[in-house]
Amino acid sequence: MADVTLRPMTAAEYAAFVAVELDEYATDIARSSGMPLDAARERARKQHEELLPHGLATPGHSFSIVLDSAGREVGRLWLGPHPQRPGVGYVYDVGIDEAERGKGLGRAAMLAAEQVARAQGQTEIGLNVFGFNDPARSLYDSLGYRVVATQMLKRLD
């Protein structure tokens, strides 16, 4: 199995992460809901501001660079408190660089996130995954995550 370590993001890495994360999140919102991309960008921006009023220094949130066993940067992880359940951890974003996928690094990053949550005294960890993201859904299933809610949408053209 792949092995990873987590290193805290610097302020410059955080700024770059936010720019990419907001764009990717907005694209995923638009793709999953049919919302126009401009509206999805605004929604993503507002959610981000609400979740992280102090950016990188927002209490309870950690932003990490995922390093492989050779110490090379291979991804990012954003872990924080669950948005509705006090005392529960939440993976807001995890991403492995495209060229590094399929090597077990995503699994290793998720296991590292679980270790961080345990160290913080949390007994559960949650996340959200878009329905179209089959590889991520398979990974989370294999790690023992269970579906607790399903939102469904039908286009009426």
N, C-alpha and C. Protein backbone atom coordinates (compact mmCIF):
# COMPACT_ATOMS: atom_id res chain seq x y z
N MET A 1 0.84 -1.18 0.00
CA MET A 1 0.00 0.00 0.00
C MET A 1 0.89 1.25 0.00
N ALA A 2 0.43 2.27 -0.67
CA ALA A 2 1.15 3.54 -0.74
C ALA A 2 1.19 4.18 0.64
N ASP A 3 2.20 4.97 0.86
CA ASP A 3 2.38 5.67 2.12
C ASP A 3 2.48 7.17 1.82
N VAL A 4 1.79 7.97 2.60
CA VAL A 4 1.86 9.42 2.44
C VAL A 4 2.07 10.07 3.79
N THR A 5 2.57 11.30 3.74
CA THR A 5 2.61 12.15 4.92
C THR A 5 1.91 13.45 4.55
N LEU A 6 1.47 14.14 5.56
CA LEU A 6 0.79 15.42 5.37
C LEU A 6 1.68 16.53 5.92
N ARG A 7 1.81 17.59 5.14
CA ARG A 7 2.58 18.76 5.55
C ARG A 7 1.66 19.97 5.48
N PRO A 8 1.65 20.82 6.51
CA PRO A 8 0.79 22.01 6.45
C PRO A 8 1.11 22.88 5.24
N MET A 9 0.07 23.43 4.63
CA MET A 9 0.25 24.35 3.51
C MET A 9 0.83 25.66 4.00
N THR A 10 1.65 26.27 3.17
CA THR A 10 2.11 27.64 3.40
C THR A 10 1.00 28.59 2.94
N ALA A 11 1.13 29.85 3.26
CA ALA A 11 0.15 30.85 2.82
C ALA A 11 0.08 30.90 1.30
N ALA A 12 1.21 30.83 0.63
CA ALA A 12 1.23 30.87 -0.84
C ALA A 12 0.57 29.62 -1.42
N GLU A 13 0.84 28.46 -0.83
CA GLU A 13 0.20 27.22 -1.30
C GLU A 13 -1.30 27.27 -1.08
N TYR A 14 -1.71 27.83 0.07
CA TYR A 14 -3.14 27.96 0.36
C TYR A 14 -3.82 28.85 -0.68
N ALA A 15 -3.22 29.98 -1.03
CA ALA A 15 -3.81 30.89 -2.02
C ALA A 15 -3.97 30.18 -3.36
N ALA A 16 -2.97 29.42 -3.78
CA ALA A 16 -3.05 28.68 -5.03
C ALA A 16 -4.12 27.59 -4.94
N PHE A 17 -4.19 26.91 -3.80
CA PHE A 17 -5.18 25.86 -3.58
C PHE A 17 -6.59 26.42 -3.69
N VAL A 18 -6.84 27.55 -3.03
CA VAL A 18 -8.19 28.14 -3.04
C VAL A 18 -8.62 28.49 -4.46
N ALA A 19 -7.73 29.06 -5.23
CA ALA A 19 -8.07 29.43 -6.61
C ALA A 19 -8.50 28.21 -7.41
N VAL A 20 -7.75 27.13 -7.29
CA VAL A 20 -8.06 25.91 -8.03
C VAL A 20 -9.30 25.24 -7.44
N GLU A 21 -9.36 25.12 -6.12
CA GLU A 21 -10.46 24.43 -5.45
C GLU A 21 -11.79 25.09 -5.76
N LEU A 22 -11.85 26.42 -5.71
CA LEU A 22 -13.10 27.12 -6.01
C LEU A 22 -13.56 26.87 -7.44
N ASP A 23 -12.62 26.89 -8.38
CA ASP A 23 -12.97 26.64 -9.77
C ASP A 23 -13.45 25.21 -9.98
N GLU A 24 -12.74 24.24 -9.41
CA GLU A 24 -13.14 22.84 -9.54
C GLU A 24 -14.49 22.59 -8.88
N TYR A 25 -14.71 23.16 -7.71
CA TYR A 25 -15.97 22.98 -7.00
C TYR A 25 -17.13 23.58 -7.79
N ALA A 26 -16.94 24.77 -8.31
CA ALA A 26 -17.98 25.41 -9.12
C ALA A 26 -18.30 24.57 -10.36
N THR A 27 -17.28 24.05 -11.00
CA THR A 27 -17.49 23.19 -12.17
C THR A 27 -18.28 21.95 -11.79
N ASP A 28 -17.97 21.35 -10.65
CA ASP A 28 -18.69 20.17 -10.19
C ASP A 28 -20.14 20.50 -9.84
N ILE A 29 -20.37 21.65 -9.21
CA ILE A 29 -21.74 22.07 -8.90
C ILE A 29 -22.53 22.22 -10.19
N ALA A 30 -21.95 22.91 -11.16
CA ALA A 30 -22.63 23.12 -12.43
C ALA A 30 -22.91 21.79 -13.13
N ARG A 31 -21.93 20.92 -13.13
CA ARG A 31 -22.08 19.62 -13.80
C ARG A 31 -23.17 18.77 -13.15
N SER A 32 -23.22 18.77 -11.83
CA SER A 32 -24.17 17.91 -11.14
C SER A 32 -25.58 18.48 -11.09
N SER A 33 -25.71 19.80 -11.13
CA SER A 33 -27.02 20.41 -10.96
C SER A 33 -27.60 21.04 -12.21
N GLY A 34 -26.75 21.29 -13.20
CA GLY A 34 -27.23 22.01 -14.38
C GLY A 34 -27.24 23.52 -14.18
N MET A 35 -26.76 23.97 -13.03
CA MET A 35 -26.70 25.39 -12.74
C MET A 35 -25.72 26.06 -13.70
N PRO A 36 -26.02 27.26 -14.17
CA PRO A 36 -25.04 27.97 -15.01
C PRO A 36 -23.72 28.15 -14.25
N LEU A 37 -22.61 28.07 -14.97
CA LEU A 37 -21.30 28.11 -14.34
C LEU A 37 -21.07 29.39 -13.54
N ASP A 38 -21.54 30.53 -14.04
CA ASP A 38 -21.36 31.78 -13.28
C ASP A 38 -22.08 31.73 -11.94
N ALA A 39 -23.29 31.17 -11.93
CA ALA A 39 -24.05 31.04 -10.68
C ALA A 39 -23.35 30.04 -9.75
N ALA A 40 -22.82 28.97 -10.31
CA ALA A 40 -22.11 27.98 -9.50
C ALA A 40 -20.85 28.59 -8.88
N ARG A 41 -20.17 29.44 -9.64
CA ARG A 41 -18.97 30.11 -9.10
C ARG A 41 -19.35 31.00 -7.92
N GLU A 42 -20.44 31.73 -8.05
CA GLU A 42 -20.89 32.60 -6.97
C GLU A 42 -21.27 31.78 -5.74
N ARG A 43 -21.97 30.67 -5.95
CA ARG A 43 -22.35 29.80 -4.84
C ARG A 43 -21.10 29.25 -4.14
N ALA A 44 -20.13 28.79 -4.92
CA ALA A 44 -18.90 28.25 -4.35
C ALA A 44 -18.17 29.33 -3.55
N ARG A 45 -18.09 30.53 -4.09
CA ARG A 45 -17.40 31.63 -3.41
C ARG A 45 -18.07 31.95 -2.08
N LYS A 46 -19.41 32.04 -2.08
CA LYS A 46 -20.13 32.34 -0.83
C LYS A 46 -19.95 31.25 0.21
N GLN A 47 -20.04 30.00 -0.21
CA GLN A 47 -19.84 28.90 0.74
C GLN A 47 -18.44 28.94 1.34
N HIS A 48 -17.48 29.22 0.50
CA HIS A 48 -16.09 29.29 0.94
C HIS A 48 -15.91 30.39 1.99
N GLU A 49 -16.48 31.56 1.71
CA GLU A 49 -16.37 32.68 2.67
C GLU A 49 -17.04 32.35 4.00
N GLU A 50 -18.18 31.65 3.95
CA GLU A 50 -18.88 31.28 5.18
C GLU A 50 -18.09 30.25 5.99
N LEU A 51 -17.52 29.28 5.30
CA LEU A 51 -16.77 28.22 5.97
C LEU A 51 -15.44 28.70 6.53
N LEU A 52 -14.81 29.62 5.81
CA LEU A 52 -13.45 30.03 6.15
C LEU A 52 -13.33 31.54 6.29
N PRO A 53 -13.99 32.10 7.31
CA PRO A 53 -13.95 33.56 7.45
C PRO A 53 -12.55 34.11 7.69
N HIS A 54 -11.64 33.27 8.18
CA HIS A 54 -10.27 33.71 8.43
C HIS A 54 -9.27 32.97 7.53
N GLY A 55 -9.77 32.45 6.42
CA GLY A 55 -8.90 31.77 5.47
C GLY A 55 -8.11 30.65 6.10
N LEU A 56 -6.85 30.61 5.82
CA LEU A 56 -5.95 29.58 6.32
C LEU A 56 -5.95 29.50 7.85
N ALA A 57 -6.22 30.62 8.51
CA ALA A 57 -6.20 30.68 9.98
C ALA A 57 -7.55 30.38 10.63
N THR A 58 -8.53 29.91 9.86
CA THR A 58 -9.84 29.60 10.42
C THR A 58 -9.69 28.44 11.40
N PRO A 59 -10.11 28.63 12.66
CA PRO A 59 -9.94 27.58 13.67
C PRO A 59 -10.64 26.28 13.26
N GLY A 60 -9.96 25.17 13.57
CA GLY A 60 -10.52 23.85 13.34
C GLY A 60 -10.27 23.29 11.95
N HIS A 61 -9.81 24.12 11.03
CA HIS A 61 -9.56 23.66 9.66
C HIS A 61 -8.06 23.47 9.46
N SER A 62 -7.71 22.39 8.76
CA SER A 62 -6.31 22.16 8.42
C SER A 62 -6.19 21.95 6.91
N PHE A 63 -5.16 22.52 6.35
CA PHE A 63 -4.90 22.45 4.92
C PHE A 63 -3.51 21.84 4.76
N SER A 64 -3.47 20.71 4.08
CA SER A 64 -2.21 19.97 4.00
C SER A 64 -1.82 19.68 2.56
N ILE A 65 -0.53 19.58 2.35
CA ILE A 65 0.03 19.06 1.12
C ILE A 65 0.27 17.57 1.37
N VAL A 66 -0.17 16.75 0.44
CA VAL A 66 0.04 15.30 0.53
C VAL A 66 1.37 14.99 -0.16
N LEU A 67 2.27 14.32 0.60
CA LEU A 67 3.58 13.95 0.09
C LEU A 67 3.67 12.43 -0.02
N ASP A 68 4.24 11.94 -1.12
CA ASP A 68 4.42 10.49 -1.26
C ASP A 68 5.62 10.04 -0.43
N SER A 69 5.93 8.76 -0.48
CA SER A 69 7.01 8.22 0.36
C SER A 69 8.39 8.79 0.02
N ALA A 70 8.51 9.37 -1.18
CA ALA A 70 9.78 10.01 -1.57
C ALA A 70 9.80 11.49 -1.20
N GLY A 71 8.71 11.99 -0.59
CA GLY A 71 8.64 13.39 -0.19
C GLY A 71 8.19 14.32 -1.31
N ARG A 72 7.70 13.76 -2.41
CA ARG A 72 7.22 14.58 -3.53
C ARG A 72 5.77 14.98 -3.29
N GLU A 73 5.43 16.20 -3.64
CA GLU A 73 4.06 16.69 -3.52
C GLU A 73 3.18 15.98 -4.55
N VAL A 74 2.11 15.34 -4.06
CA VAL A 74 1.22 14.59 -4.96
C VAL A 74 -0.25 14.98 -4.81
N GLY A 75 -0.57 15.85 -3.85
CA GLY A 75 -1.97 16.22 -3.68
C GLY A 75 -2.18 17.19 -2.54
N ARG A 76 -3.46 17.40 -2.23
CA ARG A 76 -3.88 18.33 -1.19
C ARG A 76 -5.02 17.74 -0.37
N LEU A 77 -5.15 18.21 0.86
CA LEU A 77 -6.22 17.75 1.75
C LEU A 77 -6.69 18.92 2.61
N TRP A 78 -8.02 19.09 2.64
CA TRP A 78 -8.64 20.10 3.52
C TRP A 78 -9.56 19.35 4.47
N LEU A 79 -9.25 19.42 5.74
CA LEU A 79 -10.01 18.73 6.78
C LEU A 79 -10.49 19.78 7.79
N GLY A 80 -11.73 19.63 8.22
CA GLY A 80 -12.26 20.56 9.21
C GLY A 80 -13.42 19.95 9.97
N PRO A 81 -14.12 20.76 10.74
CA PRO A 81 -15.28 20.26 11.47
C PRO A 81 -16.46 20.02 10.52
N HIS A 82 -17.25 19.02 10.82
CA HIS A 82 -18.45 18.74 10.04
C HIS A 82 -19.37 19.96 10.08
N PRO A 83 -19.98 20.32 8.96
CA PRO A 83 -20.78 21.54 8.93
C PRO A 83 -22.06 21.50 9.77
N GLN A 84 -22.58 20.29 10.08
CA GLN A 84 -23.80 20.21 10.89
C GLN A 84 -23.67 19.37 12.16
N ARG A 85 -22.57 18.64 12.31
CA ARG A 85 -22.45 17.71 13.43
C ARG A 85 -21.23 18.03 14.28
N PRO A 86 -21.43 18.71 15.40
CA PRO A 86 -20.31 19.04 16.27
C PRO A 86 -19.55 17.78 16.70
N GLY A 87 -18.23 17.90 16.73
CA GLY A 87 -17.40 16.79 17.17
C GLY A 87 -17.09 15.76 16.10
N VAL A 88 -17.56 16.01 14.89
CA VAL A 88 -17.32 15.09 13.78
C VAL A 88 -16.42 15.79 12.77
N GLY A 89 -15.43 15.06 12.25
CA GLY A 89 -14.54 15.62 11.24
C GLY A 89 -15.18 15.57 9.86
N TYR A 90 -14.63 16.36 8.94
CA TYR A 90 -15.19 16.42 7.59
C TYR A 90 -14.07 16.68 6.59
N VAL A 91 -14.03 15.87 5.56
CA VAL A 91 -13.09 16.06 4.47
C VAL A 91 -13.77 16.98 3.46
N TYR A 92 -13.36 18.24 3.44
CA TYR A 92 -13.94 19.21 2.51
C TYR A 92 -13.38 19.04 1.11
N ASP A 93 -12.12 18.66 1.03
CA ASP A 93 -11.52 18.45 -0.28
C ASP A 93 -10.29 17.56 -0.13
N VAL A 94 -10.19 16.62 -1.02
CA VAL A 94 -8.99 15.81 -1.13
C VAL A 94 -8.75 15.63 -2.62
N GLY A 95 -7.52 15.83 -3.03
CA GLY A 95 -7.20 15.68 -4.44
C GLY A 95 -5.80 15.17 -4.63
N ILE A 96 -5.69 14.19 -5.49
CA ILE A 96 -4.38 13.65 -5.88
C ILE A 96 -4.14 14.11 -7.31
N ASP A 97 -2.93 14.58 -7.58
CA ASP A 97 -2.59 15.05 -8.92
C ASP A 97 -2.90 13.95 -9.94
N GLU A 98 -3.43 14.37 -11.07
CA GLU A 98 -3.89 13.42 -12.07
C GLU A 98 -2.82 12.40 -12.46
N ALA A 99 -1.59 12.84 -12.62
CA ALA A 99 -0.51 11.94 -13.02
C ALA A 99 -0.18 10.91 -11.94
N GLU A 100 -0.63 11.14 -10.71
CA GLU A 100 -0.30 10.25 -9.59
C GLU A 100 -1.46 9.34 -9.20
N ARG A 101 -2.59 9.47 -9.86
CA ARG A 101 -3.77 8.67 -9.50
C ARG A 101 -3.56 7.20 -9.89
N GLY A 102 -4.28 6.34 -9.19
CA GLY A 102 -4.20 4.91 -9.47
C GLY A 102 -3.05 4.22 -8.77
N LYS A 103 -2.37 4.90 -7.87
CA LYS A 103 -1.21 4.34 -7.17
C LYS A 103 -1.50 4.10 -5.68
N GLY A 104 -2.75 4.30 -5.26
CA GLY A 104 -3.10 4.11 -3.86
C GLY A 104 -2.89 5.34 -3.00
N LEU A 105 -2.51 6.45 -3.61
CA LEU A 105 -2.24 7.67 -2.83
C LEU A 105 -3.51 8.31 -2.27
N GLY A 106 -4.61 8.22 -3.01
CA GLY A 106 -5.88 8.74 -2.51
C GLY A 106 -6.33 7.98 -1.28
N ARG A 107 -6.21 6.65 -1.35
CA ARG A 107 -6.55 5.81 -0.19
C ARG A 107 -5.66 6.20 1.00
N ALA A 108 -4.37 6.32 0.75
CA ALA A 108 -3.43 6.67 1.83
C ALA A 108 -3.75 8.05 2.40
N ALA A 109 -4.12 9.01 1.54
CA ALA A 109 -4.48 10.35 2.02
C ALA A 109 -5.73 10.30 2.90
N MET A 110 -6.70 9.49 2.51
CA MET A 110 -7.91 9.37 3.31
C MET A 110 -7.61 8.71 4.66
N LEU A 111 -6.76 7.71 4.66
CA LEU A 111 -6.39 7.09 5.93
C LEU A 111 -5.62 8.07 6.81
N ALA A 112 -4.80 8.91 6.20
CA ALA A 112 -4.09 9.95 6.96
C ALA A 112 -5.10 10.95 7.55
N ALA A 113 -6.12 11.30 6.77
CA ALA A 113 -7.17 12.21 7.27
C ALA A 113 -7.87 11.59 8.48
N GLU A 114 -8.11 10.29 8.43
CA GLU A 114 -8.75 9.61 9.56
C GLU A 114 -7.85 9.68 10.80
N GLN A 115 -6.55 9.53 10.61
CA GLN A 115 -5.62 9.63 11.74
C GLN A 115 -5.64 11.02 12.37
N VAL A 116 -5.69 12.05 11.52
CA VAL A 116 -5.76 13.43 12.02
C VAL A 116 -7.05 13.62 12.82
N ALA A 117 -8.17 13.14 12.28
CA ALA A 117 -9.46 13.29 12.97
C ALA A 117 -9.43 12.57 14.32
N ARG A 118 -8.88 11.36 14.35
CA ARG A 118 -8.77 10.62 15.61
C ARG A 118 -7.93 11.40 16.62
N ALA A 119 -6.81 11.95 16.16
CA ALA A 119 -5.92 12.70 17.04
C ALA A 119 -6.61 13.93 17.62
N GLN A 120 -7.60 14.45 16.89
CA GLN A 120 -8.36 15.61 17.36
C GLN A 120 -9.54 15.19 18.25
N GLY A 121 -9.67 13.89 18.52
CA GLY A 121 -10.72 13.39 19.39
C GLY A 121 -12.04 13.12 18.70
N GLN A 122 -12.05 13.15 17.39
CA GLN A 122 -13.30 12.90 16.66
C GLN A 122 -13.50 11.40 16.50
N THR A 123 -14.74 10.98 16.58
CA THR A 123 -15.06 9.55 16.48
C THR A 123 -15.69 9.19 15.13
N GLU A 124 -15.96 10.19 14.32
CA GLU A 124 -16.51 9.96 12.99
C GLU A 124 -15.91 10.99 12.03
N ILE A 125 -15.97 10.64 10.75
CA ILE A 125 -15.51 11.56 9.72
C ILE A 125 -16.47 11.42 8.54
N GLY A 126 -16.80 12.56 7.94
CA GLY A 126 -17.73 12.54 6.81
C GLY A 126 -17.16 13.27 5.62
N LEU A 127 -17.88 13.21 4.53
CA LEU A 127 -17.52 13.90 3.31
C LEU A 127 -18.72 13.92 2.38
N ASN A 128 -18.60 14.68 1.33
CA ASN A 128 -19.61 14.71 0.27
C ASN A 128 -18.89 14.32 -1.02
N VAL A 129 -19.57 13.56 -1.84
CA VAL A 129 -19.01 13.20 -3.14
C VAL A 129 -20.12 13.36 -4.17
N PHE A 130 -19.80 13.99 -5.29
CA PHE A 130 -20.77 14.17 -6.34
C PHE A 130 -21.09 12.82 -6.97
N GLY A 131 -22.35 12.64 -7.34
CA GLY A 131 -22.83 11.36 -7.86
C GLY A 131 -22.09 10.89 -9.10
N PHE A 132 -21.59 11.79 -9.91
CA PHE A 132 -20.90 11.40 -11.14
C PHE A 132 -19.46 10.93 -10.90
N ASN A 133 -18.94 11.09 -9.68
CA ASN A 133 -17.54 10.77 -9.40
C ASN A 133 -17.41 9.31 -8.95
N ASP A 134 -17.57 8.41 -9.89
CA ASP A 134 -17.53 6.98 -9.58
C ASP A 134 -16.22 6.51 -8.96
N PRO A 135 -15.05 6.97 -9.44
CA PRO A 135 -13.81 6.50 -8.80
C PRO A 135 -13.74 6.88 -7.31
N ALA A 136 -14.13 8.10 -6.97
CA ALA A 136 -14.10 8.52 -5.57
C ALA A 136 -15.13 7.73 -4.76
N ARG A 137 -16.30 7.54 -5.31
CA ARG A 137 -17.34 6.78 -4.60
C ARG A 137 -16.86 5.37 -4.30
N SER A 138 -16.20 4.74 -5.27
CA SER A 138 -15.67 3.38 -5.06
C SER A 138 -14.62 3.38 -3.96
N LEU A 139 -13.74 4.38 -3.97
CA LEU A 139 -12.72 4.47 -2.93
C LEU A 139 -13.37 4.59 -1.56
N TYR A 140 -14.30 5.50 -1.41
CA TYR A 140 -14.93 5.72 -0.11
C TYR A 140 -15.69 4.48 0.35
N ASP A 141 -16.38 3.81 -0.57
CA ASP A 141 -17.05 2.55 -0.24
C ASP A 141 -16.04 1.54 0.31
N SER A 142 -14.90 1.42 -0.37
CA SER A 142 -13.89 0.44 0.03
C SER A 142 -13.26 0.77 1.38
N LEU A 143 -13.31 2.04 1.76
CA LEU A 143 -12.77 2.47 3.06
C LEU A 143 -13.79 2.38 4.19
N GLY A 144 -15.02 1.96 3.87
CA GLY A 144 -16.03 1.78 4.90
C GLY A 144 -16.97 2.94 5.11
N TYR A 145 -16.91 3.96 4.25
CA TYR A 145 -17.87 5.06 4.34
C TYR A 145 -19.23 4.52 3.88
N ARG A 146 -20.28 5.04 4.49
CA ARG A 146 -21.63 4.61 4.10
C ARG A 146 -22.44 5.82 3.67
N VAL A 147 -23.36 5.60 2.78
CA VAL A 147 -24.23 6.68 2.32
C VAL A 147 -25.22 7.01 3.43
N VAL A 148 -25.33 8.30 3.78
CA VAL A 148 -26.28 8.71 4.81
C VAL A 148 -27.41 9.55 4.23
N ALA A 149 -27.27 10.01 2.99
CA ALA A 149 -28.33 10.75 2.31
C ALA A 149 -28.02 10.73 0.82
N THR A 150 -29.05 10.81 0.02
CA THR A 150 -28.88 10.87 -1.42
C THR A 150 -29.78 11.97 -1.96
N GLN A 151 -29.21 12.91 -2.66
CA GLN A 151 -29.99 13.93 -3.33
C GLN A 151 -30.12 13.52 -4.78
N MET A 152 -31.31 13.68 -5.33
CA MET A 152 -31.54 13.28 -6.70
C MET A 152 -32.17 14.44 -7.46
N LEU A 153 -31.94 14.47 -8.76
CA LEU A 153 -32.42 15.56 -9.61
C LEU A 153 -32.80 15.00 -10.96
N LYS A 154 -33.89 15.50 -11.51
CA LYS A 154 -34.31 15.12 -12.85
C LYS A 154 -34.55 16.38 -13.65
N ARG A 155 -33.92 16.47 -14.81
CA ARG A 155 -34.12 17.62 -15.71
C ARG A 155 -35.48 17.49 -16.37
N LEU A 156 -36.21 18.56 -16.37
CA LEU A 156 -37.52 18.61 -17.04
C LEU A 156 -37.40 19.54 -18.23
N ASP A 157 -37.02 18.99 -19.36
CA ASP A 157 -36.81 19.81 -20.57
C ASP A 157 -38.12 19.98 -21.32
